[in-house]
């Protein structure tokens, strides 16, 4: 059993996989998944370990079933705590997505070391599922656009402020505007302050996403596939002209693939 952990700036997504079994001819299966607020760097390894044990328990699972862990983290202050949790509570040495890990994705950028772990993981899963050329749109704290060539090479991309950040900036700088739930508005011409804000945020953000995708697809060619992931993917994809598929668990799939490609790096401690 593999525990995949995608540690983002705002949320952490976890997935428990039963891996493929050649003897029974069964493929990998996602047994359970969770989305939690990313813990503060002040959280101790014991506190995080208890949190994970409780999550497992709520679904009738024991943490002892885990014999492999793969982690993608964009929060470096948490990394040492995550390692301690894996070793103390799961007795497993985790595989972090970091330089030296086999990915199968050549990175053709000016400085490959700058590329966030979550972005390369998303690309691995997208290329496995859709092939190339392909564009991955990950809508989290920031919204990232990642472009893969027909051969599966990472060519580059773009980064924009996430929808949540955009909304927070508006509310914090305009004292008389109320905080609202971000959702698809019922109409495009608003008649009240709340629907005015919802229209601006929702359709304004779709305009940002589609504007970038339109230009990227024009450069890559009309055969380019597009997939969106992240907490807001379904909301924005519903109004987008260019997002062809939504996979909210894309990063977990990528972590599973990386784990399988690095079998020599994840051994239980002491074996």
Protein backbone atom coordinates (compact mmCIF):
# COMPACT_ATOMS: atom_id res chain seq x y z
CA UNK A 1 0.00 0.00 0.00
CA UNK A 2 1.28 3.43 -0.97
CA UNK A 3 0.50 6.71 0.78
CA UNK A 4 0.83 9.64 -1.64
CA UNK A 5 1.05 13.12 -0.11
CA UNK A 6 0.78 16.36 -2.09
CA UNK A 7 1.71 19.17 0.32
CA UNK A 8 0.64 22.53 -1.07
CA UNK A 9 0.76 26.03 0.36
CA UNK A 10 -2.94 25.97 1.29
CA UNK A 11 -4.12 22.36 1.19
CA UNK A 12 -2.57 18.93 1.49
CA UNK A 13 -4.08 16.07 -0.51
CA UNK A 14 -3.45 12.48 0.51
CA UNK A 15 -4.25 9.26 -1.29
CA UNK A 16 -3.89 5.62 -0.24
CA UNK A 17 -3.24 3.24 -3.13
CA UNK A 18 -3.32 -0.51 -3.39
CA UNK A 19 -0.65 -1.03 -6.01
CA UNK A 20 -0.83 -3.31 -9.04
CA UNK A 21 -0.49 -7.02 -8.38
CA UNK A 22 0.84 -9.14 -11.21
CA UNK A 23 -0.18 -12.38 -9.50
CA UNK A 24 -3.86 -11.41 -9.46
CA UNK A 25 -3.68 -9.24 -12.63
CA UNK A 26 -5.16 -6.27 -10.76
CA UNK A 27 -4.22 -2.69 -11.47
CA UNK A 28 -3.57 0.09 -8.97
CA UNK A 29 -6.60 1.14 -6.91
CA UNK A 30 -7.20 4.33 -4.95
CA UNK A 31 -8.56 3.04 -1.64
CA UNK A 32 -9.07 6.38 0.13
CA UNK A 33 -8.22 10.04 -0.24
CA UNK A 34 -8.35 13.12 1.96
CA UNK A 35 -7.96 16.90 1.57
CA UNK A 36 -6.84 18.84 4.64
CA UNK A 37 -5.49 22.30 5.41
CA UNK A 38 -1.70 22.19 5.15
CA UNK A 39 -0.39 21.99 8.72
CA UNK A 40 1.60 24.85 10.19
CA UNK A 41 5.35 24.38 10.32
CA UNK A 42 4.93 24.66 14.11
CA UNK A 43 3.06 21.34 14.16
CA UNK A 44 5.21 18.62 15.72
CA UNK A 45 5.77 15.22 14.15
CA UNK A 46 3.66 13.65 16.92
CA UNK A 47 0.77 16.03 16.26
CA UNK A 48 0.88 15.36 12.52
CA UNK A 49 1.19 11.62 13.15
CA UNK A 50 -1.91 11.66 15.34
CA UNK A 51 -3.80 13.62 12.64
CA UNK A 52 -2.92 11.02 10.00
CA UNK A 53 -3.80 8.13 12.30
CA UNK A 54 -7.20 9.70 12.96
CA UNK A 55 -7.84 10.19 9.23
CA UNK A 56 -7.08 6.53 8.63
CA UNK A 57 -9.25 5.50 11.55
CA UNK A 58 -12.28 7.42 10.29
CA UNK A 59 -12.22 5.17 7.21
CA UNK A 60 -11.58 1.99 9.17
CA UNK A 61 -7.94 1.76 8.11
CA UNK A 62 -4.74 1.12 10.08
CA UNK A 63 -1.58 3.08 9.35
CA UNK A 64 0.31 -0.22 9.50
CA UNK A 65 -0.96 -1.13 6.02
CA UNK A 66 1.35 1.50 4.48
CA UNK A 67 4.70 0.19 3.27
CA UNK A 68 5.60 3.00 0.86
CA UNK A 69 5.23 6.81 0.91
CA UNK A 70 5.74 9.35 -1.89
CA UNK A 71 5.70 13.08 -1.12
CA UNK A 72 5.49 16.19 -3.25
CA UNK A 73 6.01 19.30 -1.12
CA UNK A 74 6.24 23.00 -1.93
CA UNK A 75 6.53 23.90 1.78
CA UNK A 76 10.20 23.26 2.68
CA UNK A 77 9.81 24.09 6.43
CA UNK A 78 7.51 21.05 6.72
CA UNK A 79 9.81 18.56 5.02
CA UNK A 80 11.79 17.52 8.09
CA UNK A 81 8.57 17.02 10.07
CA UNK A 82 7.15 14.88 7.24
CA UNK A 83 10.26 12.70 7.23
CA UNK A 84 10.00 12.19 10.98
CA UNK A 85 6.31 11.27 10.73
CA UNK A 86 7.02 8.71 8.02
CA UNK A 87 9.81 7.07 9.98
CA UNK A 88 8.26 7.22 13.46
CA UNK A 89 4.64 6.36 12.66
CA UNK A 90 4.84 4.38 9.42
CA UNK A 91 8.40 3.00 9.72
CA UNK A 92 8.94 3.93 6.08
CA UNK A 93 11.59 6.05 4.39
CA UNK A 94 9.62 8.41 2.12
CA UNK A 95 10.43 9.20 -1.49
CA UNK A 96 10.42 12.99 -1.94
CA UNK A 97 10.07 14.44 -5.42
CA UNK A 98 13.43 16.19 -5.60
CA UNK A 99 16.56 16.27 -7.78
CA UNK A 100 17.83 12.74 -8.36
CA UNK A 101 14.40 11.11 -8.48
CA UNK A 102 13.51 9.37 -11.75
CA UNK A 103 10.57 11.11 -13.41
CA UNK A 104 10.80 10.26 -17.10
CA UNK A 105 10.07 13.91 -17.97
CA UNK A 106 12.99 15.89 -19.48
CA UNK A 107 12.83 19.50 -18.24
CA UNK A 108 13.87 21.92 -20.99
CA UNK A 109 13.82 25.18 -19.02
CA UNK A 110 16.52 27.70 -18.14
CA UNK A 111 16.86 26.34 -14.60
CA UNK A 112 15.18 22.93 -14.06
CA UNK A 113 15.88 23.10 -10.30
CA UNK A 114 13.38 25.97 -10.01
CA UNK A 115 10.47 23.78 -11.11
CA UNK A 116 8.06 22.98 -8.26
CA UNK A 117 7.66 19.32 -7.36
CA UNK A 118 3.88 19.44 -7.80
CA UNK A 119 4.23 20.73 -11.37
CA UNK A 120 6.48 17.91 -12.54
CA UNK A 121 4.26 15.35 -10.79
CA UNK A 122 1.18 16.72 -12.58
CA UNK A 123 2.96 16.51 -15.91
CA UNK A 124 3.94 12.88 -15.38
CA UNK A 125 0.31 11.93 -14.76
CA UNK A 126 -1.03 14.07 -17.61
CA UNK A 127 1.38 12.61 -20.16
CA UNK A 128 0.59 9.07 -18.97
CA UNK A 129 -3.13 9.70 -19.43
CA UNK A 130 -3.34 12.05 -22.42
CA UNK A 131 0.02 11.96 -24.18
CA UNK A 132 1.39 15.12 -25.74
CA UNK A 133 1.31 17.90 -26.55
CA UNK A 134 -0.58 18.73 -23.39
CA UNK A 135 -1.19 21.65 -21.04
CA UNK A 136 -1.84 21.11 -17.33
CA UNK A 137 -3.66 23.85 -15.41
CA UNK A 138 -3.34 23.45 -11.63
CA UNK A 139 -5.66 25.77 -9.70
CA UNK A 140 -4.38 26.09 -6.16
CA UNK A 141 -2.89 28.95 -4.15
CA UNK A 142 -1.34 29.95 -7.47
CA UNK A 143 -2.59 28.80 -10.84
CA UNK A 144 0.13 27.17 -12.91
CA UNK A 145 0.13 26.36 -16.63
CA UNK A 146 2.54 23.59 -17.59
CA UNK A 147 3.27 22.70 -21.22
CA UNK A 148 4.41 19.29 -22.44
CA UNK A 149 5.69 18.55 -25.93
CA UNK A 150 4.52 15.66 -28.08
CA UNK A 151 7.52 13.68 -26.78
CA UNK A 152 6.66 14.39 -23.13
CA UNK A 153 9.25 17.10 -22.54
CA UNK A 154 8.48 19.91 -20.10
CA UNK A 155 8.82 23.04 -22.22
CA UNK A 156 7.78 25.72 -19.72
CA UNK A 157 4.62 27.43 -18.59
CA UNK A 158 3.14 30.33 -16.68
CA UNK A 159 2.15 31.23 -13.12
CA UNK A 160 -0.78 33.47 -12.13
CA UNK A 161 -2.29 34.40 -8.74
CA UNK A 162 -4.89 31.85 -7.67
CA UNK A 163 -8.57 32.72 -7.56
CA UNK A 164 -8.55 32.65 -3.76
CA UNK A 165 -5.62 35.08 -3.60
CA UNK A 166 -7.35 37.39 -6.08
CA UNK A 167 -10.52 37.40 -3.99
CA UNK A 168 -8.62 38.00 -0.74
CA UNK A 169 -6.79 40.95 -2.29
CA UNK A 170 -10.09 42.50 -3.35
CA UNK A 171 -11.72 42.06 0.06
CA UNK A 172 -8.71 43.32 2.00
CA UNK A 173 -8.28 46.48 -0.08
CA UNK A 174 -11.95 47.42 -0.42
CA UNK A 175 -13.39 47.82 3.07
CA UNK A 176 -17.03 48.09 2.00
CA UNK A 177 -17.06 44.95 -0.13
CA UNK A 178 -18.29 41.87 1.75
CA UNK A 179 -16.56 38.51 1.67
CA UNK A 180 -18.56 36.11 -0.44
CA UNK A 181 -18.56 32.49 -1.49
CA UNK A 182 -16.90 32.05 -4.87
CA UNK A 183 -19.29 30.25 -7.20
CA UNK A 184 -20.79 30.47 -10.67
CA UNK A 185 -23.20 33.42 -10.74
CA UNK A 186 -26.74 33.02 -12.08
CA UNK A 187 -26.34 35.90 -14.54
CA UNK A 188 -23.68 38.08 -16.13
CA UNK A 189 -25.17 41.51 -15.41
CA UNK A 190 -25.37 41.88 -11.66
CA UNK A 191 -27.99 43.90 -9.82
CA UNK A 192 -26.49 43.73 -6.34
CA UNK A 193 -23.08 43.98 -4.71
CA UNK A 194 -22.77 40.24 -4.04
CA UNK A 195 -23.56 39.09 -7.55
CA UNK A 196 -21.42 41.92 -8.98
CA UNK A 197 -18.43 40.50 -7.07
CA UNK A 198 -19.24 36.90 -8.02
CA UNK A 199 -19.49 37.84 -11.70
CA UNK A 200 -16.21 39.72 -11.64
CA UNK A 201 -14.32 36.96 -9.84
CA UNK A 202 -15.78 34.00 -11.73
CA UNK A 203 -15.86 35.32 -15.29
CA UNK A 204 -12.77 37.44 -14.77
CA UNK A 205 -10.80 34.36 -13.76
CA UNK A 206 -12.17 32.29 -16.63
CA UNK A 207 -10.99 35.12 -18.91
CA UNK A 208 -7.49 34.86 -17.41
CA UNK A 209 -7.34 31.08 -17.80
CA UNK A 210 -8.80 31.00 -21.32
CA UNK A 211 -6.68 33.94 -22.46
CA UNK A 212 -3.46 32.15 -21.52
CA UNK A 213 -4.64 28.78 -22.86
CA UNK A 214 -5.72 30.29 -26.17
CA UNK A 215 -2.25 31.68 -26.77
CA UNK A 216 -0.47 28.52 -25.62
CA UNK A 217 -2.62 26.29 -27.86
CA UNK A 218 -1.99 28.62 -30.81
CA UNK A 219 1.74 28.17 -30.23
CA UNK A 220 1.63 24.39 -29.61
CA UNK A 221 -0.96 23.43 -32.22
CA UNK A 222 -4.68 22.54 -32.31
CA UNK A 223 -4.04 18.91 -31.29
CA UNK A 224 -2.94 20.08 -27.82
CA UNK A 225 -4.88 18.49 -24.96
CA UNK A 226 -5.74 20.41 -21.79
CA UNK A 227 -6.44 19.09 -18.30
CA UNK A 228 -7.23 21.00 -15.11
CA UNK A 229 -6.62 19.91 -11.54
CA UNK A 230 -6.73 21.49 -8.08
CA UNK A 231 -9.45 22.50 -5.68
CA UNK A 232 -11.13 25.00 -8.03
CA UNK A 233 -10.71 23.03 -11.25
CA UNK A 234 -14.32 21.92 -11.60
CA UNK A 235 -15.67 25.40 -10.90
CA UNK A 236 -13.56 27.15 -13.54
CA UNK A 237 -13.56 24.33 -16.10
CA UNK A 238 -17.35 24.51 -16.26
CA UNK A 239 -17.14 27.93 -17.91
CA UNK A 240 -13.91 27.50 -19.87
CA UNK A 241 -13.77 27.12 -23.65
CA UNK A 242 -10.37 25.43 -23.63
CA UNK A 243 -10.18 23.03 -20.66
CA UNK A 244 -10.90 19.59 -22.07
CA UNK A 245 -10.76 17.44 -18.92
CA UNK A 246 -10.74 17.74 -15.15
CA UNK A 247 -8.82 15.38 -12.87
CA UNK A 248 -8.81 16.52 -9.25
CA UNK A 249 -6.51 13.64 -8.25
CA UNK A 250 -3.94 14.17 -11.02
CA UNK A 251 -1.12 14.92 -8.58
CA UNK A 252 -1.77 11.75 -6.58
CA UNK A 253 -1.63 9.71 -9.78
CA UNK A 254 1.70 11.33 -10.64
CA UNK A 255 3.09 10.50 -7.20
CA UNK A 256 2.08 6.87 -7.64
CA UNK A 257 3.85 6.76 -11.01
CA UNK A 258 7.02 8.30 -9.54
CA UNK A 259 6.96 5.78 -6.71
CA UNK A 260 6.72 2.92 -9.19
CA UNK A 261 9.63 4.36 -11.20
CA UNK A 262 11.85 4.58 -8.12
CA UNK A 263 11.34 1.17 -6.56
CA UNK A 264 14.95 1.00 -5.39
CA UNK A 265 14.55 4.15 -3.23
CA UNK A 266 11.63 3.22 -0.98
CA UNK A 267 12.43 0.42 1.39
CA UNK A 268 10.97 -0.11 4.81
CA UNK A 269 13.46 0.94 7.44
CA UNK A 270 15.75 -1.90 8.34
CA UNK A 271 15.17 -3.86 5.08
